[in-house]
Protein backbone atom coordinates (compact mmCIF):
# COMPACT_ATOMS: atom_id res chain seq x y z
CA UNK A 1 -49.16 12.68 -36.15
CA UNK A 2 -52.01 11.10 -34.27
CA UNK A 3 -55.14 9.98 -36.01
CA UNK A 4 -58.61 8.95 -34.82
CA UNK A 5 -59.89 6.11 -36.96
CA UNK A 6 -61.78 2.84 -37.01
CA UNK A 7 -60.07 -0.51 -36.42
CA UNK A 8 -61.92 -3.47 -37.89
CA UNK A 9 -62.65 -6.36 -35.57
CA UNK A 10 -65.12 -9.19 -35.81
CA UNK A 11 -65.51 -12.14 -38.10
CA UNK A 12 -65.67 -12.55 -41.82
CA UNK A 13 -68.89 -10.98 -43.20
CA UNK A 14 -69.68 -9.62 -39.73
CA UNK A 15 -67.84 -6.33 -39.44
CA UNK A 16 -67.58 -4.35 -36.26
CA UNK A 17 -65.13 -1.59 -35.47
CA UNK A 18 -63.29 0.03 -32.58
CA UNK A 19 -62.77 3.77 -32.48
CA UNK A 20 -59.09 4.26 -31.62
CA UNK A 21 -56.47 6.99 -31.47
CA UNK A 22 -53.21 5.80 -33.03
CA UNK A 23 -50.09 7.03 -34.75
CA UNK A 24 -50.88 7.63 -38.43
CA UNK A 25 -47.77 5.71 -39.50
CA UNK A 26 -48.98 2.50 -37.88
CA UNK A 27 -51.43 0.18 -39.53
CA UNK A 28 -54.93 0.12 -38.10
CA UNK A 29 -54.66 -3.58 -37.19
CA UNK A 30 -51.30 -3.32 -35.43
CA UNK A 31 -52.98 -3.31 -32.02
CA UNK A 32 -50.66 -0.56 -30.77
CA UNK A 33 -53.20 2.18 -30.23
CA UNK A 34 -52.91 5.02 -27.75
CA UNK A 35 -56.52 5.20 -26.62
CA UNK A 36 -59.74 3.26 -27.17
CA UNK A 37 -62.73 5.58 -27.51
CA UNK A 38 -65.61 3.24 -28.30
CA UNK A 39 -67.08 0.82 -30.81
CA UNK A 40 -69.32 0.79 -33.88
CA UNK A 41 -71.37 -2.10 -35.28
CA UNK A 42 -72.90 -1.17 -38.66
CA UNK A 43 -75.03 -4.33 -38.96
CA UNK A 44 -76.85 -3.70 -35.69
CA UNK A 45 -76.50 0.07 -36.09
CA UNK A 46 -74.86 0.36 -32.65
CA UNK A 47 -72.63 3.32 -31.92
CA UNK A 48 -70.92 3.62 -28.52
CA UNK A 49 -68.44 6.48 -28.35
CA UNK A 50 -66.99 8.28 -25.34
CA UNK A 51 -67.85 11.84 -26.42
CA UNK A 52 -65.74 13.55 -23.74
CA UNK A 53 -62.57 11.68 -24.70
CA UNK A 54 -63.23 12.26 -28.41
CA UNK A 55 -63.60 16.04 -27.88
CA UNK A 56 -60.41 16.09 -25.76
CA UNK A 57 -58.37 14.35 -28.45
CA UNK A 58 -59.75 16.59 -31.19
CA UNK A 59 -58.88 19.63 -29.05
CA UNK A 60 -55.31 18.30 -28.74
CA UNK A 61 -55.02 18.23 -32.55
CA UNK A 62 -55.77 14.64 -33.48
CA UNK A 63 -56.75 14.26 -37.13
CA UNK A 64 -60.12 12.55 -37.63
CA UNK A 65 -60.74 10.19 -40.55
CA UNK A 66 -63.69 11.19 -42.78
CA UNK A 67 -65.84 8.21 -41.74
CA UNK A 68 -65.22 8.84 -38.04
CA UNK A 69 -65.98 12.53 -38.59
CA UNK A 70 -69.34 11.62 -40.14
CA UNK A 71 -70.13 9.25 -37.24
CA UNK A 72 -69.24 11.91 -34.67
CA UNK A 73 -71.43 14.47 -36.48
CA UNK A 74 -74.37 12.04 -36.65
CA UNK A 75 -73.98 11.32 -32.88
CA UNK A 76 -73.82 15.11 -32.27
CA UNK A 77 -70.49 14.79 -30.48
CA UNK A 78 -69.02 17.44 -32.77
CA UNK A 79 -70.72 20.03 -34.96
CA UNK A 80 -70.26 20.47 -38.68
CA UNK A 81 -71.23 19.06 -42.03
CA UNK A 82 -70.64 15.50 -43.08
CA UNK A 83 -67.74 14.81 -45.46
CA UNK A 84 -68.11 12.97 -48.74
CA UNK A 85 -66.31 9.65 -48.26
CA UNK A 86 -67.25 8.27 -51.67
CA UNK A 87 -64.49 7.91 -54.24
CA UNK A 88 -63.80 10.94 -56.39
CA UNK A 89 -65.16 9.13 -59.45
CA UNK A 90 -68.71 9.30 -58.11
CA UNK A 91 -69.30 12.59 -56.29
CA UNK A 92 -72.34 13.21 -54.14
CA UNK A 93 -75.21 14.52 -56.25
CA UNK A 94 -76.62 17.77 -54.94
CA UNK A 95 -80.34 17.40 -55.65
CA UNK A 96 -81.06 21.12 -55.22
CA UNK A 97 -78.36 22.03 -57.73
CA UNK A 98 -79.65 19.50 -60.28
CA UNK A 99 -83.20 20.80 -59.85
CA UNK A 100 -82.03 24.42 -60.28
CA UNK A 101 -80.11 23.51 -63.46
CA UNK A 102 -83.19 21.75 -64.87
CA UNK A 103 -85.34 24.82 -64.16
CA UNK A 104 -82.73 27.10 -65.75
CA UNK A 105 -82.62 24.90 -68.86
CA UNK A 106 -86.41 24.98 -69.10
CA UNK A 107 -86.44 28.76 -68.68
CA UNK A 108 -83.79 29.10 -71.40
CA UNK A 109 -85.88 26.93 -73.71
CA UNK A 110 -88.96 29.09 -73.12
CA UNK A 111 -86.86 32.24 -73.59
CA UNK A 112 -85.44 30.96 -76.87
CA UNK A 113 -88.96 30.39 -78.21
CA UNK A 114 -90.19 33.86 -77.20
CA UNK A 115 -87.67 35.96 -79.25
CA UNK A 116 -88.82 34.20 -82.43
CA UNK A 117 -92.21 35.93 -82.09
CA UNK A 118 -90.60 39.27 -81.17
CA UNK A 119 -88.14 39.21 -84.09
CA UNK A 120 -90.48 40.83 -86.73
CA UNK A 121 -91.11 43.77 -84.39
CA UNK A 122 -87.35 44.42 -84.06
CA UNK A 123 -86.94 44.28 -87.85
CA UNK A 124 -89.74 46.84 -88.31
CA UNK A 125 -88.14 49.16 -85.74
CA UNK A 126 -84.77 48.86 -87.50
CA UNK A 127 -86.43 49.62 -90.85
CA UNK A 128 -88.11 52.74 -89.43
CA UNK A 129 -84.77 53.98 -88.06
CA UNK A 130 -83.12 53.45 -91.44
CA UNK A 131 -85.86 55.44 -93.22
CA UNK A 132 -85.76 58.29 -90.73
CA UNK A 133 -81.95 58.63 -90.97
CA UNK A 134 -80.77 60.82 -93.89
CA UNK A 135 -79.05 58.97 -96.70
CA UNK A 136 -75.32 59.42 -96.83
CA UNK A 137 -73.50 59.89 -100.08
CA UNK A 138 -71.05 57.10 -100.80
CA UNK A 139 -67.49 58.20 -101.33
CA UNK A 140 -65.18 56.75 -103.93
CA UNK A 141 -63.12 54.53 -101.54
CA UNK A 142 -66.28 52.82 -100.32
CA UNK A 143 -67.33 52.10 -103.90
CA UNK A 144 -63.90 50.60 -104.60
CA UNK A 145 -64.22 48.33 -101.56
CA UNK A 146 -67.63 47.15 -102.75
CA UNK A 147 -66.20 46.42 -106.21
CA UNK A 148 -63.34 44.38 -104.68
CA UNK A 149 -65.71 42.32 -102.57
CA UNK A 150 -67.90 41.57 -105.62
CA UNK A 151 -64.81 40.38 -107.49
CA UNK A 152 -63.94 38.08 -104.58
CA UNK A 153 -67.47 36.72 -104.31
CA UNK A 154 -68.16 36.14 -108.01
CA UNK A 155 -65.76 33.58 -109.42
CA UNK A 156 -64.59 34.17 -112.93
CA UNK A 157 -64.46 31.57 -115.66
CA UNK A 158 -60.72 31.18 -115.17
CA UNK A 159 -61.23 30.40 -111.48
CA UNK A 160 -63.82 27.73 -112.26
CA UNK A 161 -61.49 25.61 -114.40
CA UNK A 162 -58.96 23.65 -112.41
CA UNK A 163 -55.37 23.97 -113.39
CA UNK A 164 -53.89 20.70 -114.55
CA UNK A 165 -50.12 20.43 -114.44
CA UNK A 166 -48.64 18.86 -117.58
CA UNK A 167 -47.25 15.42 -116.92
CA UNK A 168 -43.52 15.06 -117.50
CA UNK A 169 -42.68 12.79 -120.36
CA UNK A 170 -41.01 9.57 -119.34
CA UNK A 171 -38.96 7.34 -121.51
CA UNK A 172 -40.59 3.97 -122.19
CA UNK A 173 -39.05 1.19 -120.17
CA UNK A 174 -38.03 -1.83 -122.20
CA UNK A 175 -38.37 -5.17 -120.47
CA UNK A 176 -35.12 -7.04 -119.91
CA UNK A 177 -34.78 -10.49 -121.34
CA UNK A 178 -35.44 -13.24 -118.81
CA UNK A 179 -31.98 -14.78 -119.24
CA UNK A 180 -30.22 -11.58 -118.10
CA UNK A 181 -32.50 -11.28 -115.05
CA UNK A 182 -31.79 -14.90 -114.02
CA UNK A 183 -28.02 -14.38 -114.37
CA UNK A 184 -28.11 -11.20 -112.26
CA UNK A 185 -30.14 -12.90 -109.50
CA UNK A 186 -27.81 -15.91 -109.40
CA UNK A 187 -24.67 -13.71 -109.15
CA UNK A 188 -26.25 -11.68 -106.32
CA UNK A 189 -27.02 -14.87 -104.41
CA UNK A 190 -23.44 -16.13 -104.78
CA UNK A 191 -21.98 -12.81 -103.53
CA UNK A 192 -24.18 -12.87 -100.46
């Protein structure tokens, strides 16, 4: 596959580039390019591209590197938007989007303050609806459910005391005489 890209030339700390068409498998400094389309010097801000040749190669299906694409767009050789060539770790910040998000956050903050004032009105409306609705007679199953929930909510005295498991009785351990311990250690060392 053919690729249109920049080939660095020039000295150390003085970069300048050639715009070349080359095979994508070859290194950019190999010197085996198919066509030379122009040059670019970023320090002097000089751009000299052969626009006709560049359009011909693009029409033939040559892939354009992102930096070359941006240069061709800025020189109005091709039309389109510029491509983000920054690393993926630091994406381009869309200022309009950030501004819209800030406005939305401010509007949400103002909206969250407004319902606090409107809340008493909603409570009054709900109270009026409750008064106007006829009272329903509670049936026995509903009363039983209420009684169960009260039992779950109110802890009894038995629930408040923690259960302590009785400790199993252990036989007291008698210390061995020192002479027996020394003999056992010495026999273990000899066996090993």
